[in-house]
Amino acid sequence: MQRAFSEAVINSPHRVLGIRLRPFSAAHFFTLESVNSPIVVGGNVEITDFLYALKICSRNPKFIHGAWSVDTKIRFTLLDHFRVFQLLNAKLKGKAFKAWQAYQNDYQSLPEHMQSEGLTPSISAPGILAAVVSGMRFMSEKRAWTMPLS
């Protein structure tokens, strides 16, 4: 397999600012999109937006009575306030953003032949929703929402 594609299939654990991130899934994407996070909708990413995205991506999506539930409530701890101070340091902020980019790249990789055709790896709500709906034909709804996007 090509290296970029194999890394997307065989993902190594990701940690950003000491937070262990779960595989980026459709549930994570739509949770971030529901609060208009600049991480997924584009725009200027503030420190709090970045920390919020880290906290969302560190959790398992919630399923209540077999249905996916958007839970946008995040409780910031004392350690999270320390992380904000870490992000005020330009060097640490750059390192954290590079680690986030590596995390996203792992879950947005395309096969080599698609990359050579000029397609760029990007995620969009209609594409993700189509993948979830098509996946539900042969797997549970919970698995379809939580499977890695790659």
C-alpha atoms as a PDB file:
ATOM      1  CA  MET A   1       0.000   0.000   0.000  1.00  0.00           C
ATOM      2  CA  GLN A   2       1.057   3.560  -0.545  1.00  0.00           C
ATOM      3  CA  ARG A   3       2.466   5.178   2.576  1.00  0.00           C
ATOM      4  CA  ALA A   4      -0.130   7.949   3.034  1.00  0.00           C
ATOM      5  CA  PHE A   5      -3.024   5.584   2.487  1.00  0.00           C
ATOM      6  CA  SER A   6      -1.604   2.875   4.741  1.00  0.00           C
ATOM      7  CA  GLU A   7      -1.080   5.425   7.520  1.00  0.00           C
ATOM      8  CA  ALA A   8      -4.756   6.321   7.248  1.00  0.00           C
ATOM      9  CA  VAL A   9      -5.764   2.664   7.536  1.00  0.00           C
ATOM     10  CA  ILE A  10      -3.275   1.732  10.263  1.00  0.00           C
ATOM     11  CA  ASN A  11      -3.464   4.782  12.490  1.00  0.00           C
ATOM     12  CA  SER A  12      -1.115   5.334  15.352  1.00  0.00           C
ATOM     13  CA  PRO A  13      -2.457   7.005  18.492  1.00  0.00           C
ATOM     14  CA  HIS A  14      -2.376  10.784  18.456  1.00  0.00           C
ATOM     15  CA  ARG A  15      -1.717  13.063  21.411  1.00  0.00           C
ATOM     16  CA  VAL A  16      -1.914  16.827  21.326  1.00  0.00           C
ATOM     17  CA  LEU A  17      -1.036  18.766  24.487  1.00  0.00           C
ATOM     18  CA  GLY A  18      -1.241  15.494  26.394  1.00  0.00           C
ATOM     19  CA  ILE A  19      -4.795  14.803  25.224  1.00  0.00           C
ATOM     20  CA  ARG A  20      -5.252  11.374  23.596  1.00  0.00           C
ATOM     21  CA  LEU A  21      -7.386  11.817  20.497  1.00  0.00           C
ATOM     22  CA  ARG A  22      -9.772   9.163  19.237  1.00  0.00           C
ATOM     23  CA  PRO A  23      -9.967   8.419  15.514  1.00  0.00           C
ATOM     24  CA  PHE A  24     -11.619  11.381  13.770  1.00  0.00           C
ATOM     25  CA  SER A  25     -15.105  10.188  12.898  1.00  0.00           C
ATOM     26  CA  ALA A  26     -18.302  11.532  11.370  1.00  0.00           C
ATOM     27  CA  ALA A  27     -19.696  12.062  14.863  1.00  0.00           C
ATOM     28  CA  HIS A  28     -16.712  14.277  15.744  1.00  0.00           C
ATOM     29  CA  PHE A  29     -17.046  16.211  12.489  1.00  0.00           C
ATOM     30  CA  PHE A  30     -20.765  16.904  12.916  1.00  0.00           C
ATOM     31  CA  THR A  31     -20.360  17.790  16.601  1.00  0.00           C
ATOM     32  CA  LEU A  32     -17.737  20.387  15.677  1.00  0.00           C
ATOM     33  CA  GLU A  33     -19.813  21.578  12.745  1.00  0.00           C
ATOM     34  CA  SER A  34     -22.912  21.981  14.937  1.00  0.00           C
ATOM     35  CA  VAL A  35     -21.090  24.646  16.965  1.00  0.00           C
ATOM     36  CA  ASN A  36     -19.527  26.244  13.854  1.00  0.00           C
ATOM     37  CA  SER A  37     -16.006  25.350  14.914  1.00  0.00           C
ATOM     38  CA  PRO A  38     -13.459  27.020  12.625  1.00  0.00           C
ATOM     39  CA  ILE A  39     -11.518  23.745  12.738  1.00  0.00           C
ATOM     40  CA  VAL A  40     -14.053  22.208  10.321  1.00  0.00           C
ATOM     41  CA  VAL A  41     -15.941  25.174   8.798  1.00  0.00           C
ATOM     42  CA  GLY A  42     -12.839  27.294   8.179  1.00  0.00           C
ATOM     43  CA  GLY A  43     -11.806  30.653   9.502  1.00  0.00           C
ATOM     44  CA  ASN A  44      -9.493  31.973  12.177  1.00  0.00           C
ATOM     45  CA  VAL A  45      -8.887  29.317  14.846  1.00  0.00           C
ATOM     46  CA  GLU A  46      -8.604  30.817  18.325  1.00  0.00           C
ATOM     47  CA  ILE A  47      -6.925  29.012  21.212  1.00  0.00           C
ATOM     48  CA  THR A  48     -10.252  28.172  22.859  1.00  0.00           C
ATOM     49  CA  ASP A  49     -11.630  26.810  19.559  1.00  0.00           C
ATOM     50  CA  PHE A  50      -8.578  24.593  19.248  1.00  0.00           C
ATOM     51  CA  LEU A  51      -8.844  23.306  22.823  1.00  0.00           C
ATOM     52  CA  TYR A  52     -12.576  22.705  22.357  1.00  0.00           C
ATOM     53  CA  ALA A  53     -11.879  20.606  19.239  1.00  0.00           C
ATOM     54  CA  LEU A  54      -9.243  18.625  21.140  1.00  0.00           C
ATOM     55  CA  LYS A  55     -11.719  17.881  23.931  1.00  0.00           C
ATOM     56  CA  ILE A  56     -14.459  16.835  21.466  1.00  0.00           C
ATOM     57  CA  CYS A  57     -12.087  14.539  19.572  1.00  0.00           C
ATOM     58  CA  SER A  58     -10.875  12.923  22.795  1.00  0.00           C
ATOM     59  CA  ARG A  59     -14.343  11.591  23.667  1.00  0.00           C
ATOM     60  CA  ASN A  60     -16.385   8.691  22.438  1.00  0.00           C
ATOM     61  CA  PRO A  61     -19.544   9.919  20.714  1.00  0.00           C
ATOM     62  CA  LYS A  62     -22.662   9.356  22.807  1.00  0.00           C
ATOM     63  CA  PHE A  63     -25.421   7.017  21.749  1.00  0.00           C
ATOM     64  CA  ILE A  64     -28.669   7.200  23.682  1.00  0.00           C
ATOM     65  CA  HIS A  65     -31.220   4.440  23.046  1.00  0.00           C
ATOM     66  CA  GLY A  66     -29.408   3.429  19.845  1.00  0.00           C
ATOM     67  CA  ALA A  67     -29.353   6.944  18.349  1.00  0.00           C
ATOM     68  CA  TRP A  68     -26.385   9.285  18.019  1.00  0.00           C
ATOM     69  CA  SER A  69     -26.634  12.325  20.270  1.00  0.00           C
ATOM     70  CA  VAL A  70     -24.791  15.608  19.734  1.00  0.00           C
ATOM     71  CA  ASP A  71     -23.239  16.564  23.048  1.00  0.00           C
ATOM     72  CA  THR A  72     -21.495  19.910  22.739  1.00  0.00           C
ATOM     73  CA  LYS A  73     -21.055  20.527  26.474  1.00  0.00           C
ATOM     74  CA  ILE A  74     -17.413  20.514  27.466  1.00  0.00           C
ATOM     75  CA  ARG A  75     -16.168  20.914  31.004  1.00  0.00           C
ATOM     76  CA  PHE A  76     -12.798  22.646  31.142  1.00  0.00           C
ATOM     77  CA  THR A  77     -10.577  21.541  34.006  1.00  0.00           C
ATOM     78  CA  LEU A  78      -7.694  23.253  35.740  1.00  0.00           C
ATOM     79  CA  LEU A  79      -5.348  21.300  33.477  1.00  0.00           C
ATOM     80  CA  ASP A  80      -7.150  22.760  30.444  1.00  0.00           C
ATOM     81  CA  HIS A  81      -6.475  26.270  31.749  1.00  0.00           C
ATOM     82  CA  PHE A  82      -2.792  25.309  31.916  1.00  0.00           C
ATOM     83  CA  ARG A  83      -3.029  24.120  28.295  1.00  0.00           C
ATOM     84  CA  VAL A  84      -4.359  27.552  27.294  1.00  0.00           C
ATOM     85  CA  PHE A  85      -1.274  29.135  28.838  1.00  0.00           C
ATOM     86  CA  GLN A  86       0.895  26.634  26.933  1.00  0.00           C
ATOM     87  CA  LEU A  87      -0.776  27.707  23.689  1.00  0.00           C
ATOM     88  CA  LEU A  88       0.128  31.337  24.384  1.00  0.00           C
ATOM     89  CA  ASN A  89       3.753  30.319  23.791  1.00  0.00           C
ATOM     90  CA  ALA A  90       4.251  30.611  20.012  1.00  0.00           C
ATOM     91  CA  LYS A  91       6.659  27.659  19.842  1.00  0.00           C
ATOM     92  CA  LEU A  92       4.340  25.307  21.754  1.00  0.00           C
ATOM     93  CA  LYS A  93       1.335  26.550  19.803  1.00  0.00           C
ATOM     94  CA  GLY A  94       3.086  25.782  16.510  1.00  0.00           C
ATOM     95  CA  LYS A  95       4.023  22.316  17.735  1.00  0.00           C
ATOM     96  CA  ALA A  96       0.445  21.630  18.894  1.00  0.00           C
ATOM     97  CA  PHE A  97      -1.035  22.819  15.590  1.00  0.00           C
ATOM     98  CA  LYS A  98       1.417  20.598  13.657  1.00  0.00           C
ATOM     99  CA  ALA A  99       0.364  17.625  15.784  1.00  0.00           C
ATOM    100  CA  TRP A 100      -3.306  18.449  15.049  1.00  0.00           C
ATOM    101  CA  GLN A 101      -2.528  18.680  11.336  1.00  0.00           C
ATOM    102  CA  ALA A 102      -0.849  15.259  11.439  1.00  0.00           C
ATOM    103  CA  TYR A 103      -3.963  13.906  13.195  1.00  0.00           C
ATOM    104  CA  GLN A 104      -6.269  15.323  10.538  1.00  0.00           C
ATOM    105  CA  ASN A 105      -4.015  14.163   7.707  1.00  0.00           C
ATOM    106  CA  ASP A 106      -4.197  10.603   9.029  1.00  0.00           C
ATOM    107  CA  TYR A 107      -7.963  10.643   8.651  1.00  0.00           C
ATOM    108  CA  GLN A 108      -8.178  12.520   5.348  1.00  0.00           C
ATOM    109  CA  SER A 109      -5.667  10.593   3.251  1.00  0.00           C
ATOM    110  CA  LEU A 110      -6.598   9.537  -0.251  1.00  0.00           C
ATOM    111  CA  PRO A 111      -5.085   6.662  -2.235  1.00  0.00           C
ATOM    112  CA  GLU A 112      -2.056   7.631  -4.337  1.00  0.00           C
ATOM    113  CA  HIS A 113      -3.867   7.311  -7.686  1.00  0.00           C
ATOM    114  CA  MET A 114      -6.533   9.783  -6.508  1.00  0.00           C
ATOM    115  CA  GLN A 115      -3.875  12.233  -5.344  1.00  0.00           C
ATOM    116  CA  SER A 116      -2.129  12.030  -8.720  1.00  0.00           C
ATOM    117  CA  GLU A 117      -5.393  12.994 -10.428  1.00  0.00           C
ATOM    118  CA  GLY A 118      -5.297  16.311  -8.590  1.00  0.00           C
ATOM    119  CA  LEU A 119      -7.864  15.520  -5.908  1.00  0.00           C
ATOM    120  CA  THR A 120      -7.076  17.087  -2.561  1.00  0.00           C
ATOM    121  CA  PRO A 121      -7.987  15.366   0.688  1.00  0.00           C
ATOM    122  CA  SER A 122     -10.779  17.342   2.279  1.00  0.00           C
ATOM    123  CA  ILE A 123     -13.893  16.576   4.202  1.00  0.00           C
ATOM    124  CA  SER A 124     -17.361  17.909   3.604  1.00  0.00           C
ATOM    125  CA  ALA A 125     -20.687  17.343   5.314  1.00  0.00           C
ATOM    126  CA  PRO A 126     -22.450  15.789   2.291  1.00  0.00           C
ATOM    127  CA  GLY A 127     -19.559  13.405   1.632  1.00  0.00           C
ATOM    128  CA  ILE A 128     -19.347  12.296   5.241  1.00  0.00           C
ATOM    129  CA  LEU A 129     -23.102  11.849   5.529  1.00  0.00           C
ATOM    130  CA  ALA A 130     -23.110   9.767   2.347  1.00  0.00           C
ATOM    131  CA  ALA A 131     -20.353   7.559   3.775  1.00  0.00           C
ATOM    132  CA  VAL A 132     -22.270   7.060   7.025  1.00  0.00           C
ATOM    133  CA  VAL A 133     -25.546   6.234   5.273  1.00  0.00           C
ATOM    134  CA  SER A 134     -23.879   3.808   2.866  1.00  0.00           C
ATOM    135  CA  GLY A 135     -22.003   2.204   5.772  1.00  0.00           C
ATOM    136  CA  MET A 136     -25.247   1.615   7.667  1.00  0.00           C
ATOM    137  CA  ARG A 137     -26.250  -0.951   5.033  1.00  0.00           C
ATOM    138  CA  PHE A 138     -23.673  -3.418   6.351  1.00  0.00           C
ATOM    139  CA  MET A 139     -22.828  -2.216   9.880  1.00  0.00           C
ATOM    140  CA  SER A 140     -24.611  -0.796  12.896  1.00  0.00           C
ATOM    141  CA  GLU A 141     -25.476   2.887  13.022  1.00  0.00           C
ATOM    142  CA  LYS A 142     -23.142   3.384  15.983  1.00  0.00           C
ATOM    143  CA  ARG A 143     -20.219   1.833  14.078  1.00  0.00           C
ATOM    144  CA  ALA A 144     -20.996   3.913  10.974  1.00  0.00           C
ATOM    145  CA  TRP A 145     -20.876   7.149  12.970  1.00  0.00           C
ATOM    146  CA  THR A 146     -17.722   6.242  14.906  1.00  0.00           C
ATOM    147  CA  MET A 147     -15.602   4.613  12.197  1.00  0.00           C
ATOM    148  CA  PRO A 148     -12.514   6.625  11.226  1.00  0.00           C
ATOM    149  CA  LEU A 149     -13.217   8.903   8.258  1.00  0.00           C
ATOM    150  CA  SER A 150     -10.356   7.444   6.270  1.00  0.00           C
END
